[in-house]
């Protein structure tokens, strides 16, 4: 006996053959690796399935908000314009002490009108004007805005795949999406002296997701990420992060990420969020432009 196993396990059966124990261990390691790989794939599929269910629920909520807003917008904004006009007239006849109150009325009516205007976006069902877009040009534009404004003191790192094909999208809406995400990242970092935002792009040809309500699976090989090393998102907020009116900001409307999810969804993509106390990553997966095939599917570039 050599150790806990018989000596025969340590010896070669014939010249050139490995010991039987080596074969057994190799088989065990291979089986364990295969089992772990299958578990990992299943876990990822379950995670994406739950994310798809959340996206479907969010889309339903946004559609309901859009329908409600479309019917109520004029009913809300018309009396508000009357209130604002009356407050402006009062401001010309009241004393200095009361003038602050009339200005408060006009400021608050403006704020409500702005909120209603933002909510009206959810009822907009007009076709999207799309063209092949170089995502790196979009990200460079967003970075320039950020560095000259809200992220002037934050390091922004670029990790781009230069061979990435175009995305068939509306450029202005993509700017809106990434500007919102980068601004959220800057706010999460706050005044931290070591704050970093990383913008990355990659081609993931193996990513295919199911279309809710059908048996179809679509390929979403373009991956765009915005990562920050801020404090992260609370775990209880992650499942509802893209729902309307969800916010942790004192003066936030909770419509920014909901609008981001709406725009990405209308482009045939999905958005995911992974967060921990060490940082947050927003990941957008979108289809690549297929040339004339996309134009024919859409009835031409709209």
Protein backbone atom coordinates (compact mmCIF):
# COMPACT_ATOMS: atom_id res chain seq x y z
CA UNK A 1 0.00 0.00 0.00
CA UNK A 2 1.24 3.43 -0.95
CA UNK A 3 -0.87 5.94 0.92
CA UNK A 4 -4.63 5.24 0.99
CA UNK A 5 -4.73 3.42 -2.41
CA UNK A 6 -3.33 0.08 -3.63
CA UNK A 7 0.10 0.14 -5.30
CA UNK A 8 -1.46 -0.97 -8.58
CA UNK A 9 -3.03 2.46 -8.99
CA UNK A 10 0.40 4.09 -8.96
CA UNK A 11 1.99 1.82 -11.55
CA UNK A 12 1.78 1.87 -15.34
CA UNK A 13 -0.22 -0.90 -16.93
CA UNK A 14 2.18 -1.00 -19.91
CA UNK A 15 4.95 1.11 -21.42
CA UNK A 16 3.64 4.56 -22.39
CA UNK A 17 0.40 4.33 -20.38
CA UNK A 18 -0.18 6.74 -17.45
CA UNK A 19 -0.91 5.30 -14.00
CA UNK A 20 -4.57 4.40 -13.43
CA UNK A 21 -4.82 6.92 -10.56
CA UNK A 22 -3.79 9.70 -12.94
CA UNK A 23 -6.56 8.67 -15.34
CA UNK A 24 -9.14 8.57 -12.54
CA UNK A 25 -8.12 11.98 -11.25
CA UNK A 26 -8.14 13.44 -14.75
CA UNK A 27 -11.64 12.06 -15.32
CA UNK A 28 -12.83 13.46 -11.98
CA UNK A 29 -11.38 16.90 -12.69
CA UNK A 30 -12.93 16.92 -16.16
CA UNK A 31 -16.34 15.90 -14.82
CA UNK A 32 -16.18 18.55 -12.10
CA UNK A 33 -15.20 21.22 -14.64
CA UNK A 34 -18.06 20.18 -16.93
CA UNK A 35 -20.54 20.25 -14.04
CA UNK A 36 -19.33 23.69 -12.96
CA UNK A 37 -19.56 24.97 -16.54
CA UNK A 38 -23.12 23.67 -16.87
CA UNK A 39 -24.05 25.27 -13.53
CA UNK A 40 -22.51 28.57 -14.61
CA UNK A 41 -24.41 28.56 -17.93
CA UNK A 42 -27.66 27.69 -16.15
CA UNK A 43 -27.10 30.46 -13.61
CA UNK A 44 -26.49 33.00 -16.36
CA UNK A 45 -29.59 31.86 -18.23
CA UNK A 46 -31.72 32.14 -15.11
CA UNK A 47 -30.31 35.59 -14.40
CA UNK A 48 -31.10 36.75 -17.93
CA UNK A 49 -34.57 35.16 -17.77
CA UNK A 50 -35.36 37.05 -14.55
CA UNK A 51 -33.99 40.22 -16.12
CA UNK A 52 -36.24 39.68 -19.15
CA UNK A 53 -39.27 39.30 -16.86
CA UNK A 54 -38.35 42.53 -15.07
CA UNK A 55 -37.94 44.32 -18.39
CA UNK A 56 -41.36 43.09 -19.52
CA UNK A 57 -42.98 44.35 -16.30
CA UNK A 58 -41.16 47.68 -16.60
CA UNK A 59 -42.31 48.03 -20.22
CA UNK A 60 -45.90 47.41 -19.13
CA UNK A 61 -45.64 50.06 -16.41
CA UNK A 62 -44.11 52.57 -18.80
CA UNK A 63 -46.83 51.89 -21.37
CA UNK A 64 -49.48 52.48 -18.70
CA UNK A 65 -47.79 55.71 -17.65
CA UNK A 66 -47.55 56.80 -21.27
CA UNK A 67 -51.23 56.13 -21.88
CA UNK A 68 -52.22 58.00 -18.72
CA UNK A 69 -49.89 60.91 -19.44
CA UNK A 70 -51.03 61.26 -23.03
CA UNK A 71 -54.62 61.75 -21.84
CA UNK A 72 -53.89 63.96 -18.85
CA UNK A 73 -51.05 66.16 -20.10
CA UNK A 74 -53.28 68.88 -21.53
CA UNK A 75 -55.66 68.66 -18.57
CA UNK A 76 -52.73 69.31 -16.23
CA UNK A 77 -50.75 71.86 -18.25
CA UNK A 78 -53.65 74.13 -19.22
CA UNK A 79 -54.66 75.10 -15.65
CA UNK A 80 -50.98 75.33 -14.68
CA UNK A 81 -50.42 77.96 -17.36
CA UNK A 82 -53.33 79.93 -15.90
CA UNK A 83 -51.91 79.66 -12.39
CA UNK A 84 -48.49 80.78 -13.61
CA UNK A 85 -49.97 83.74 -15.47
CA UNK A 86 -51.93 84.82 -12.42
CA UNK A 87 -48.82 84.57 -10.25
CA UNK A 88 -46.89 86.77 -12.69
CA UNK A 89 -49.65 89.40 -12.59
CA UNK A 90 -49.68 89.31 -8.78
CA UNK A 91 -45.92 89.80 -8.74
CA UNK A 92 -46.36 93.26 -10.29
CA UNK A 93 -48.74 94.53 -7.59
CA UNK A 94 -47.60 92.89 -4.34
CA UNK A 95 -44.88 94.06 -1.98
CA UNK A 96 -41.38 92.69 -1.72
CA UNK A 97 -42.31 90.26 1.08
CA UNK A 98 -45.06 88.62 -1.01
CA UNK A 99 -43.11 88.68 -4.25
CA UNK A 100 -41.06 85.70 -3.05
CA UNK A 101 -44.29 83.71 -2.76
CA UNK A 102 -45.39 84.55 -6.30
CA UNK A 103 -41.98 83.49 -7.60
CA UNK A 104 -42.32 80.25 -5.68
CA UNK A 105 -45.64 79.62 -7.44
CA UNK A 106 -44.14 80.20 -10.89
CA UNK A 107 -41.09 78.05 -10.11
CA UNK A 108 -43.24 75.15 -8.90
CA UNK A 109 -45.61 75.34 -11.88
CA UNK A 110 -42.57 75.29 -14.19
CA UNK A 111 -41.24 72.23 -12.36
CA UNK A 112 -44.54 70.36 -12.72
CA UNK A 113 -44.80 71.26 -16.41
CA UNK A 114 -41.25 70.00 -16.93
CA UNK A 115 -42.12 66.72 -15.19
CA UNK A 116 -45.24 66.28 -17.35
CA UNK A 117 -43.17 67.00 -20.47
CA UNK A 118 -40.72 64.26 -19.47
CA UNK A 119 -43.57 61.84 -18.78
CA UNK A 120 -45.06 62.56 -22.22
CA UNK A 121 -42.00 60.92 -23.75
CA UNK A 122 -43.34 57.56 -22.57
CA UNK A 123 -46.44 58.00 -24.74
CA UNK A 124 -44.42 58.84 -27.86
CA UNK A 125 -44.85 55.94 -30.30
CA UNK A 126 -43.50 57.64 -33.42
CA UNK A 127 -41.01 55.61 -35.53
CA UNK A 128 -37.36 56.15 -34.65
CA UNK A 129 -35.17 57.79 -37.28
CA UNK A 130 -32.19 55.44 -37.47
CA UNK A 131 -28.90 55.35 -39.30
CA UNK A 132 -25.70 53.30 -38.87
CA UNK A 133 -23.95 54.91 -35.90
CA UNK A 134 -20.34 54.61 -34.74
CA UNK A 135 -20.81 54.13 -30.99
CA UNK A 136 -17.30 55.44 -30.28
CA UNK A 137 -18.19 58.81 -31.80
CA UNK A 138 -21.21 58.92 -29.50
CA UNK A 139 -19.14 58.02 -26.43
CA UNK A 140 -16.46 60.59 -27.31
CA UNK A 141 -19.16 63.25 -27.57
CA UNK A 142 -20.62 62.26 -24.19
CA UNK A 143 -17.14 62.25 -22.63
CA UNK A 144 -16.46 65.77 -23.95
CA UNK A 145 -19.71 67.04 -22.41
CA UNK A 146 -18.95 65.31 -19.10
CA UNK A 147 -15.34 66.54 -18.86
CA UNK A 148 -16.45 70.10 -19.50
CA UNK A 149 -19.19 69.94 -16.90
CA UNK A 150 -20.35 67.55 -14.20
CA UNK A 151 -17.36 65.14 -14.44
CA UNK A 152 -14.54 67.66 -14.84
CA UNK A 153 -12.60 66.21 -11.88
CA UNK A 154 -13.28 62.53 -12.58
CA UNK A 155 -10.95 60.31 -14.59
CA UNK A 156 -12.72 58.76 -17.59
CA UNK A 157 -11.08 55.67 -19.06
CA UNK A 158 -11.80 54.34 -22.55
CA UNK A 159 -11.58 50.63 -23.39
CA UNK A 160 -12.87 50.41 -26.96
CA UNK A 161 -12.92 47.59 -29.49
CA UNK A 162 -11.82 49.43 -32.68
CA UNK A 163 -13.22 46.71 -34.95
CA UNK A 164 -16.78 47.08 -33.63
CA UNK A 165 -19.41 47.31 -36.41
CA UNK A 166 -21.95 50.16 -36.40
CA UNK A 167 -25.16 50.03 -34.40
CA UNK A 168 -28.40 50.82 -36.25
CA UNK A 169 -29.79 53.56 -34.04
CA UNK A 170 -30.79 57.16 -33.50
CA UNK A 171 -27.60 59.04 -32.63
CA UNK A 172 -29.27 61.73 -30.51
CA UNK A 173 -31.12 59.14 -28.44
CA UNK A 174 -27.90 57.20 -27.84
CA UNK A 175 -26.25 60.42 -26.66
CA UNK A 176 -29.17 60.87 -24.26
CA UNK A 177 -28.78 57.31 -22.96
CA UNK A 178 -25.05 57.47 -22.27
CA UNK A 179 -25.13 61.04 -20.99
CA UNK A 180 -27.67 59.91 -18.40
CA UNK A 181 -25.57 56.87 -17.41
CA UNK A 182 -22.31 58.84 -17.19
CA UNK A 183 -24.01 61.54 -15.13
CA UNK A 184 -25.38 58.90 -12.75
CA UNK A 185 -21.88 57.44 -12.48
CA UNK A 186 -20.41 60.86 -11.64
CA UNK A 187 -23.06 61.42 -8.98
CA UNK A 188 -22.35 57.98 -7.49
CA UNK A 189 -18.64 58.87 -7.23
CA UNK A 190 -19.36 62.27 -5.70
CA UNK A 191 -16.33 64.09 -4.37
CA UNK A 192 -14.12 60.99 -4.11
CA UNK A 193 -10.56 61.94 -5.17
CA UNK A 194 -9.99 58.50 -6.76
CA UNK A 195 -13.19 58.39 -8.77
CA UNK A 196 -13.06 56.67 -12.16
CA UNK A 197 -15.59 56.09 -14.92
CA UNK A 198 -14.76 53.41 -17.48
CA UNK A 199 -16.43 53.37 -20.90
CA UNK A 200 -15.98 50.07 -22.73
CA UNK A 201 -17.20 48.41 -25.90
CA UNK A 202 -16.89 44.80 -27.01
CA UNK A 203 -18.22 42.28 -29.52
CA UNK A 204 -19.90 39.25 -27.89
CA UNK A 205 -21.09 37.01 -30.75
CA UNK A 206 -22.46 34.28 -28.46
CA UNK A 207 -25.10 36.38 -26.70
CA UNK A 208 -28.64 35.48 -27.81
CA UNK A 209 -31.74 36.38 -25.84
CA UNK A 210 -35.33 35.17 -26.04
CA UNK A 211 -38.01 37.57 -27.22
CA UNK A 212 -40.82 37.67 -24.62
CA UNK A 213 -44.01 36.02 -25.86
CA UNK A 214 -42.35 34.23 -28.79
CA UNK A 215 -40.01 31.35 -29.51
CA UNK A 216 -37.57 33.67 -31.28
CA UNK A 217 -34.06 34.38 -30.09
CA UNK A 218 -32.21 37.50 -31.17
CA UNK A 219 -28.48 38.09 -31.36
CA UNK A 220 -27.20 41.08 -29.37
CA UNK A 221 -23.44 41.01 -29.98
CA UNK A 222 -22.67 44.69 -29.27
CA UNK A 223 -21.84 45.34 -25.62
CA UNK A 224 -21.47 48.89 -24.28
CA UNK A 225 -20.62 49.39 -20.60
CA UNK A 226 -20.44 52.33 -18.22
CA UNK A 227 -18.62 51.40 -15.00
CA UNK A 228 -17.92 53.55 -11.97
CA UNK A 229 -16.13 52.89 -8.67
CA UNK A 230 -18.72 54.69 -6.56
CA UNK A 231 -20.62 53.36 -3.57
CA UNK A 232 -22.92 51.11 -5.61
CA UNK A 233 -26.68 50.62 -5.75
CA UNK A 234 -28.63 49.19 -2.82
CA UNK A 235 -29.49 45.52 -3.39
CA UNK A 236 -33.21 46.09 -2.81
CA UNK A 237 -33.29 48.71 -5.59
CA UNK A 238 -31.64 46.60 -8.31
CA UNK A 239 -34.79 44.65 -9.34
CA UNK A 240 -36.79 47.87 -9.78
CA UNK A 241 -34.02 50.22 -10.84
CA UNK A 242 -35.48 50.86 -14.30
CA UNK A 243 -39.05 51.36 -13.08
CA UNK A 244 -40.47 54.89 -13.35
CA UNK A 245 -40.28 57.13 -10.25
CA UNK A 246 -37.52 55.07 -8.60
CA UNK A 247 -34.77 57.37 -7.33
CA UNK A 248 -32.39 57.86 -4.42
CA UNK A 249 -31.70 61.52 -5.25
CA UNK A 250 -33.33 64.18 -3.04
CA UNK A 251 -34.53 66.15 -6.09
CA UNK A 252 -34.70 63.31 -8.60
CA UNK A 253 -37.80 62.54 -10.66
CA UNK A 254 -37.03 58.84 -11.06
CA UNK A 255 -37.59 59.01 -14.83
CA UNK A 256 -33.99 59.06 -16.09
CA UNK A 257 -33.21 55.33 -16.03
CA UNK A 258 -36.77 54.45 -17.03
CA UNK A 259 -36.31 56.58 -20.14
CA UNK A 260 -32.92 54.95 -20.79
CA UNK A 261 -34.54 51.50 -20.62
CA UNK A 262 -37.32 52.64 -22.96
CA UNK A 263 -34.90 53.97 -25.57
CA UNK A 264 -32.69 50.87 -25.43
CA UNK A 265 -35.74 48.59 -25.67
CA UNK A 266 -37.11 50.47 -28.69
CA UNK A 267 -33.77 49.90 -30.40
CA UNK A 268 -34.11 46.15 -29.88
CA UNK A 269 -31.57 46.01 -27.05
CA UNK A 270 -31.49 45.35 -23.33
CA UNK A 271 -29.84 47.07 -20.38
CA UNK A 272 -28.56 45.37 -17.24
CA UNK A 273 -27.05 46.60 -14.01
CA UNK A 274 -24.51 44.85 -11.77
CA UNK A 275 -23.57 46.59 -8.56
CA UNK A 276 -21.58 46.06 -5.40
CA UNK A 277 -20.11 48.34 -2.71
CA UNK A 278 -17.03 48.66 -4.96
CA UNK A 279 -18.85 50.03 -7.98
CA UNK A 280 -21.62 49.73 -10.55
CA UNK A 281 -21.70 48.59 -14.17
CA UNK A 282 -24.50 49.41 -16.60
CA UNK A 283 -24.31 47.01 -19.54
CA UNK A 284 -26.19 47.64 -22.80
CA UNK A 285 -26.53 44.84 -25.35
CA UNK A 286 -27.67 45.80 -28.85
CA UNK A 287 -27.89 44.25 -32.31
CA UNK A 288 -25.29 45.11 -34.93
CA UNK A 289 -26.16 46.84 -38.18
CA UNK A 290 -26.58 44.29 -40.98
CA UNK A 291 -26.39 46.68 -43.89
CA UNK A 292 -29.24 46.65 -46.39
CA UNK A 293 -30.93 43.82 -44.49
CA UNK A 294 -31.79 46.23 -41.66
CA UNK A 295 -33.04 48.82 -44.12
CA UNK A 296 -35.32 46.27 -45.77
CA UNK A 297 -36.65 45.06 -42.43
CA UNK A 298 -37.43 48.58 -41.32
CA UNK A 299 -38.85 49.61 -44.64
CA UNK A 300 -35.83 51.82 -45.30
CA UNK A 301 -33.93 54.10 -42.99
CA UNK A 302 -36.55 56.14 -41.17
